[in-house]
């Protein structure tokens, strides 16, 4: 069984047992995360329920595995004639969730 969920402004294709990195959630490690914004649920070959925009009554349940930050992204700005350089970095926080089950 697979599903497509929407969280943090992005869409993710998930199945039970998958680990996904999503935008940071305000939950602790070990807590349960329930995703109600399910766009599609498919259980087999020709068995797919497509939402309009969401599938009614479907939800995906996961467990928070990790709260961390991604690798650093370096931003370098350079102005050629004045030789100005600006170097900054950014580390995006994320939540890693393991999908436990999909309820349709």
Protein backbone atom coordinates (compact mmCIF):
# COMPACT_ATOMS: atom_id res chain seq x y z
CA UNK A 1 0.00 0.00 0.00
CA UNK A 2 1.32 3.44 -0.91
CA UNK A 3 0.07 6.96 -0.33
CA UNK A 4 0.92 10.50 -1.33
CA UNK A 5 0.88 12.96 1.59
CA UNK A 6 1.28 16.71 1.75
CA UNK A 7 3.25 18.34 4.57
CA UNK A 8 5.42 21.42 4.80
CA UNK A 9 4.32 22.62 1.35
CA UNK A 10 5.71 19.50 -0.34
CA UNK A 11 4.31 16.15 -1.44
CA UNK A 12 5.83 12.79 -0.50
CA UNK A 13 5.15 9.27 -1.81
CA UNK A 14 5.27 6.94 1.20
CA UNK A 15 4.83 3.28 2.05
CA UNK A 16 4.95 1.48 5.42
CA UNK A 17 8.56 1.19 6.58
CA UNK A 18 9.83 4.24 4.66
CA UNK A 19 11.90 6.92 6.38
CA UNK A 20 11.40 10.44 5.04
CA UNK A 21 12.95 13.80 5.87
CA UNK A 22 10.30 16.51 6.11
CA UNK A 23 10.11 20.12 7.24
CA UNK A 24 10.58 20.47 10.99
CA UNK A 25 7.65 19.41 13.18
CA UNK A 26 7.21 20.46 16.83
CA UNK A 27 7.41 16.90 18.16
CA UNK A 28 9.94 14.98 20.22
CA UNK A 29 11.79 11.82 19.21
CA UNK A 30 9.52 8.83 19.75
CA UNK A 31 6.27 10.80 19.36
CA UNK A 32 3.62 9.82 16.86
CA UNK A 33 2.97 11.99 13.79
CA UNK A 34 -0.38 11.81 12.00
CA UNK A 35 -0.72 13.18 8.47
CA UNK A 36 -4.34 13.91 7.51
CA UNK A 37 -3.57 15.60 4.18
CA UNK A 38 -3.58 12.45 2.04
CA UNK A 39 -3.83 13.12 -1.70
CA UNK A 40 -3.80 9.52 -3.00
CA UNK A 41 -4.07 6.01 -1.56
CA UNK A 42 -3.27 2.91 -3.61
CA UNK A 43 -3.53 -0.63 -2.33
CA UNK A 44 -2.89 -2.76 -5.36
CA UNK A 45 -2.97 -3.00 -9.15
CA UNK A 46 -6.22 -1.20 -10.01
CA UNK A 47 -7.20 -0.03 -6.54
CA UNK A 48 -6.44 3.69 -6.24
CA UNK A 49 -8.40 6.38 -4.44
CA UNK A 50 -7.61 9.89 -5.63
CA UNK A 51 -8.68 12.81 -3.48
CA UNK A 52 -10.51 15.93 -4.58
CA UNK A 53 -8.31 17.52 -3.16
CA UNK A 54 -7.95 15.11 -0.18
CA UNK A 55 -9.01 11.50 0.35
CA UNK A 56 -11.80 11.55 2.94
CA UNK A 57 -11.07 9.48 6.05
CA UNK A 58 -7.52 8.51 5.07
CA UNK A 59 -4.52 9.17 7.27
CA UNK A 60 -0.88 8.15 7.51
CA UNK A 61 0.67 7.40 10.90
CA UNK A 62 4.39 7.68 11.50
CA UNK A 63 6.91 7.84 14.33
CA UNK A 64 9.47 10.62 14.78
CA UNK A 65 12.94 9.07 14.55
CA UNK A 66 15.22 12.14 14.52
CA UNK A 67 15.23 15.93 14.86
CA UNK A 68 18.32 17.37 13.23
CA UNK A 69 19.79 19.82 10.72
CA UNK A 70 20.76 19.17 7.11
CA UNK A 71 24.21 19.71 5.63
CA UNK A 72 25.40 23.30 5.42
CA UNK A 73 24.70 25.19 2.21
CA UNK A 74 27.28 27.89 1.45
CA UNK A 75 26.06 31.15 -0.08
CA UNK A 76 28.84 33.22 -1.65
CA UNK A 77 28.14 36.65 -3.17
CA UNK A 78 30.85 38.52 -5.07
CA UNK A 79 30.83 41.94 -6.72
CA UNK A 80 33.62 42.05 -9.27
CA UNK A 81 34.63 45.70 -9.61
CA UNK A 82 34.61 46.55 -5.91
CA UNK A 83 35.90 43.11 -4.84
CA UNK A 84 33.21 42.75 -2.22
CA UNK A 85 32.71 39.23 -0.90
CA UNK A 86 29.97 38.00 1.40
CA UNK A 87 29.99 34.41 2.61
CA UNK A 88 27.12 33.00 4.65
CA UNK A 89 25.80 29.54 5.37
CA UNK A 90 22.49 27.92 6.17
CA UNK A 91 21.50 24.63 7.80
CA UNK A 92 17.86 23.67 7.31
CA UNK A 93 16.24 21.89 10.29
CA UNK A 94 14.30 18.73 9.46
CA UNK A 95 12.37 15.91 11.09
CA UNK A 96 12.94 12.30 10.08
CA UNK A 97 9.75 10.23 10.26
CA UNK A 98 9.34 6.47 9.82
CA UNK A 99 5.97 5.55 8.31
CA UNK A 100 4.22 2.88 10.38
CA UNK A 101 0.84 2.41 8.70
CA UNK A 102 -1.57 3.84 6.17
CA UNK A 103 -5.24 3.89 7.07
CA UNK A 104 -7.69 4.20 4.23
